[in-house]
Amino acid sequence: MNKSKTLSYLGLAMRAGKIVTGDEAVLKAVRSSEAKLVVLAGDASDNTQKKFRDKCGTYDIPLVIAFHRDELGASIGKDQRVVLAVTDKGFAEMISRTLGDTVGGGVID
C-alpha cells in the first residue's frame, strides 16, 4: 500500500466533488448504491465499524478500514473525518489499486 498516494487521491476526488463525508451522508450513499468505495478510519468506534461493515456488506460496497481520522480529514482539506465515501467508479478503482489487498474490509495502520 502506498499511503501518501492513497491520501493524495482522496484529496483529488474531494476537489472533483466525488467524496461524501459524514455518517448519515455516507449511509445514504451506500443505501442508494451511489458509493463505490467507503473508507473508514481505523480509530473509529467499534459500533461505527460494525455499522459500516454490515451496511457495506449488505449493499456489496467495498469497505476499507484505514488511516486515522486526522489523516482522512487532512487529505480532503477538512477537520477530522471518520468515514468517507467515494462516489466515482474511476476514483474508487484508482484508490483501490493503491490500497492493494486491503479492499473489502482490510485494516491498515
C-alpha atoms as a PDB file:
ATOM      1  CA  MET A   1       0.000   0.000   0.000  1.00  0.00           C
ATOM      2  CA  ASN A   2       1.182   3.473  -0.836  1.00  0.00           C
ATOM      3  CA  LYS A   3      -0.291   5.544   1.985  1.00  0.00           C
ATOM      4  CA  SER A   4       0.663   9.011   0.721  1.00  0.00           C
ATOM      5  CA  LYS A   5      -0.576   8.258  -2.800  1.00  0.00           C
ATOM      6  CA  THR A   6      -3.889   6.995  -1.446  1.00  0.00           C
ATOM      7  CA  LEU A   7      -4.377  10.130   0.642  1.00  0.00           C
ATOM      8  CA  SER A   8      -3.459  12.297  -2.366  1.00  0.00           C
ATOM      9  CA  TYR A   9      -6.053  10.523  -4.498  1.00  0.00           C
ATOM     10  CA  LEU A  10      -8.678  11.102  -1.809  1.00  0.00           C
ATOM     11  CA  GLY A  11      -7.848  14.816  -1.925  1.00  0.00           C
ATOM     12  CA  LEU A  12      -8.110  14.822  -5.708  1.00  0.00           C
ATOM     13  CA  ALA A  13     -11.504  13.094  -5.539  1.00  0.00           C
ATOM     14  CA  MET A  14     -12.672  15.656  -2.966  1.00  0.00           C
ATOM     15  CA  ARG A  15     -11.666  18.555  -5.218  1.00  0.00           C
ATOM     16  CA  ALA A  16     -13.567  16.869  -8.053  1.00  0.00           C
ATOM     17  CA  GLY A  17     -16.668  16.683  -5.852  1.00  0.00           C
ATOM     18  CA  LYS A  18     -16.668  12.879  -5.727  1.00  0.00           C
ATOM     19  CA  ILE A  19     -16.379  12.415  -1.931  1.00  0.00           C
ATOM     20  CA  VAL A  20     -19.225  12.274   0.577  1.00  0.00           C
ATOM     21  CA  THR A  21     -18.354  12.671   4.267  1.00  0.00           C
ATOM     22  CA  GLY A  22     -20.244  12.210   7.479  1.00  0.00           C
ATOM     23  CA  ASP A  23     -22.105   9.303   8.989  1.00  0.00           C
ATOM     24  CA  GLU A  24     -25.583   9.923   7.610  1.00  0.00           C
ATOM     25  CA  ALA A  25     -24.452  11.148   4.184  1.00  0.00           C
ATOM     26  CA  VAL A  26     -22.255   8.083   3.681  1.00  0.00           C
ATOM     27  CA  LEU A  27     -25.026   5.725   4.834  1.00  0.00           C
ATOM     28  CA  LYS A  28     -27.395   7.382   2.359  1.00  0.00           C
ATOM     29  CA  ALA A  29     -24.812   6.974  -0.431  1.00  0.00           C
ATOM     30  CA  VAL A  30     -24.364   3.298   0.484  1.00  0.00           C
ATOM     31  CA  ARG A  31     -28.111   2.633   0.556  1.00  0.00           C
ATOM     32  CA  SER A  32     -28.594   4.282  -2.842  1.00  0.00           C
ATOM     33  CA  SER A  33     -25.526   2.463  -4.279  1.00  0.00           C
ATOM     34  CA  GLU A  34     -24.033   5.858  -5.093  1.00  0.00           C
ATOM     35  CA  ALA A  35     -20.958   4.947  -3.011  1.00  0.00           C
ATOM     36  CA  LYS A  36     -18.356   2.959  -4.929  1.00  0.00           C
ATOM     37  CA  LEU A  37     -15.848   2.695  -2.044  1.00  0.00           C
ATOM     38  CA  VAL A  38     -16.119   3.502   1.661  1.00  0.00           C
ATOM     39  CA  VAL A  39     -13.041   4.442   3.695  1.00  0.00           C
ATOM     40  CA  LEU A  40     -13.423   4.190   7.467  1.00  0.00           C
ATOM     41  CA  ALA A  41     -10.851   5.460   9.951  1.00  0.00           C
ATOM     42  CA  GLY A  42      -9.062   2.730  11.889  1.00  0.00           C
ATOM     43  CA  ASP A  43      -9.688   4.627  15.127  1.00  0.00           C
ATOM     44  CA  ALA A  44     -13.470   4.704  14.622  1.00  0.00           C
ATOM     45  CA  SER A  45     -15.505   3.234  17.477  1.00  0.00           C
ATOM     46  CA  ASP A  46     -16.373  -0.458  17.438  1.00  0.00           C
ATOM     47  CA  ASN A  47     -20.051   0.386  16.936  1.00  0.00           C
ATOM     48  CA  THR A  48     -19.269   2.609  13.937  1.00  0.00           C
ATOM     49  CA  GLN A  49     -17.019  -0.050  12.419  1.00  0.00           C
ATOM     50  CA  LYS A  50     -19.721  -2.693  12.840  1.00  0.00           C
ATOM     51  CA  LYS A  51     -22.403  -0.415  11.370  1.00  0.00           C
ATOM     52  CA  PHE A  52     -20.396   0.281   8.209  1.00  0.00           C
ATOM     53  CA  ARG A  53     -19.163  -3.308   7.854  1.00  0.00           C
ATOM     54  CA  ASP A  54     -22.768  -4.510   7.996  1.00  0.00           C
ATOM     55  CA  LYS A  55     -24.163  -1.842   5.627  1.00  0.00           C
ATOM     56  CA  CYS A  56     -21.352  -2.174   3.084  1.00  0.00           C
ATOM     57  CA  GLY A  57     -21.658  -5.961   3.214  1.00  0.00           C
ATOM     58  CA  THR A  58     -25.405  -5.826   2.684  1.00  0.00           C
ATOM     59  CA  TYR A  59     -25.162  -3.452  -0.275  1.00  0.00           C
ATOM     60  CA  ASP A  60     -21.961  -5.026  -1.657  1.00  0.00           C
ATOM     61  CA  ILE A  61     -19.899  -1.821  -1.401  1.00  0.00           C
ATOM     62  CA  PRO A  62     -16.121  -2.250  -0.881  1.00  0.00           C
ATOM     63  CA  LEU A  63     -15.015  -1.081   2.577  1.00  0.00           C
ATOM     64  CA  VAL A  64     -11.514  -0.194   3.692  1.00  0.00           C
ATOM     65  CA  ILE A  65     -10.641   0.448   7.308  1.00  0.00           C
ATOM     66  CA  ALA A  66      -7.549   2.609   7.048  1.00  0.00           C
ATOM     67  CA  PHE A  67      -5.648   5.567   8.404  1.00  0.00           C
ATOM     68  CA  HIS A  68      -6.622   7.754  11.346  1.00  0.00           C
ATOM     69  CA  ARG A  69      -9.353  10.355  11.466  1.00  0.00           C
ATOM     70  CA  ASP A  70      -6.771  13.170  11.384  1.00  0.00           C
ATOM     71  CA  GLU A  71      -5.175  11.767   8.215  1.00  0.00           C
ATOM     72  CA  LEU A  72      -8.516  11.300   6.467  1.00  0.00           C
ATOM     73  CA  GLY A  73      -9.602  14.834   7.305  1.00  0.00           C
ATOM     74  CA  ALA A  74      -6.291  16.387   6.288  1.00  0.00           C
ATOM     75  CA  SER A  75      -6.301  14.515   2.976  1.00  0.00           C
ATOM     76  CA  ILE A  76      -9.560  16.185   1.928  1.00  0.00           C
ATOM     77  CA  GLY A  77      -8.846  19.582   3.484  1.00  0.00           C
ATOM     78  CA  LYS A  78     -11.264  19.238   6.391  1.00  0.00           C
ATOM     79  CA  ASP A  79     -11.101  18.606  10.124  1.00  0.00           C
ATOM     80  CA  GLN A  80     -11.140  15.056  11.433  1.00  0.00           C
ATOM     81  CA  ARG A  81     -13.222  12.656   9.364  1.00  0.00           C
ATOM     82  CA  VAL A  82     -14.186   9.136  10.448  1.00  0.00           C
ATOM     83  CA  VAL A  83     -15.862   7.948   7.253  1.00  0.00           C
ATOM     84  CA  LEU A  84     -15.695   8.893   3.572  1.00  0.00           C
ATOM     85  CA  ALA A  85     -17.462   7.511   0.525  1.00  0.00           C
ATOM     86  CA  VAL A  86     -16.019   7.786  -2.975  1.00  0.00           C
ATOM     87  CA  THR A  87     -18.895   8.215  -5.423  1.00  0.00           C
ATOM     88  CA  ASP A  88     -16.993   7.917  -8.709  1.00  0.00           C
ATOM     89  CA  LYS A  89     -16.072   4.494 -10.079  1.00  0.00           C
ATOM     90  CA  GLY A  90     -12.814   5.713 -11.652  1.00  0.00           C
ATOM     91  CA  PHE A  91     -11.573   7.315  -8.439  1.00  0.00           C
ATOM     92  CA  ALA A  92     -12.678   4.267  -6.437  1.00  0.00           C
ATOM     93  CA  GLU A  93     -10.691   1.937  -8.691  1.00  0.00           C
ATOM     94  CA  MET A  94      -7.637   4.210  -8.603  1.00  0.00           C
ATOM     95  CA  ILE A  95      -7.737   4.375  -4.801  1.00  0.00           C
ATOM     96  CA  SER A  96      -8.358   0.618  -4.538  1.00  0.00           C
ATOM     97  CA  ARG A  97      -5.241  -0.093  -6.611  1.00  0.00           C
ATOM     98  CA  THR A  98      -3.081   1.932  -4.212  1.00  0.00           C
ATOM     99  CA  LEU A  99      -4.571   0.052  -1.259  1.00  0.00           C
ATOM    100  CA  GLY A 100      -3.842  -3.373  -2.732  1.00  0.00           C
ATOM    101  CA  ASP A 101      -5.339  -6.391  -0.963  1.00  0.00           C
ATOM    102  CA  THR A 102      -6.944  -4.419   1.860  1.00  0.00           C
ATOM    103  CA  VAL A 103     -10.110  -3.510  -0.039  1.00  0.00           C
ATOM    104  CA  GLY A 104     -13.058  -5.457   1.296  1.00  0.00           C
ATOM    105  CA  GLY A 105     -12.643  -4.844   4.994  1.00  0.00           C
ATOM    106  CA  GLY A 106      -8.920  -4.951   5.481  1.00  0.00           C
ATOM    107  CA  VAL A 107      -7.305  -2.856   8.177  1.00  0.00           C
ATOM    108  CA  ILE A 108      -4.367  -0.567   7.532  1.00  0.00           C
ATOM    109  CA  ASP A 109      -2.469   1.386  10.156  1.00  0.00           C
END
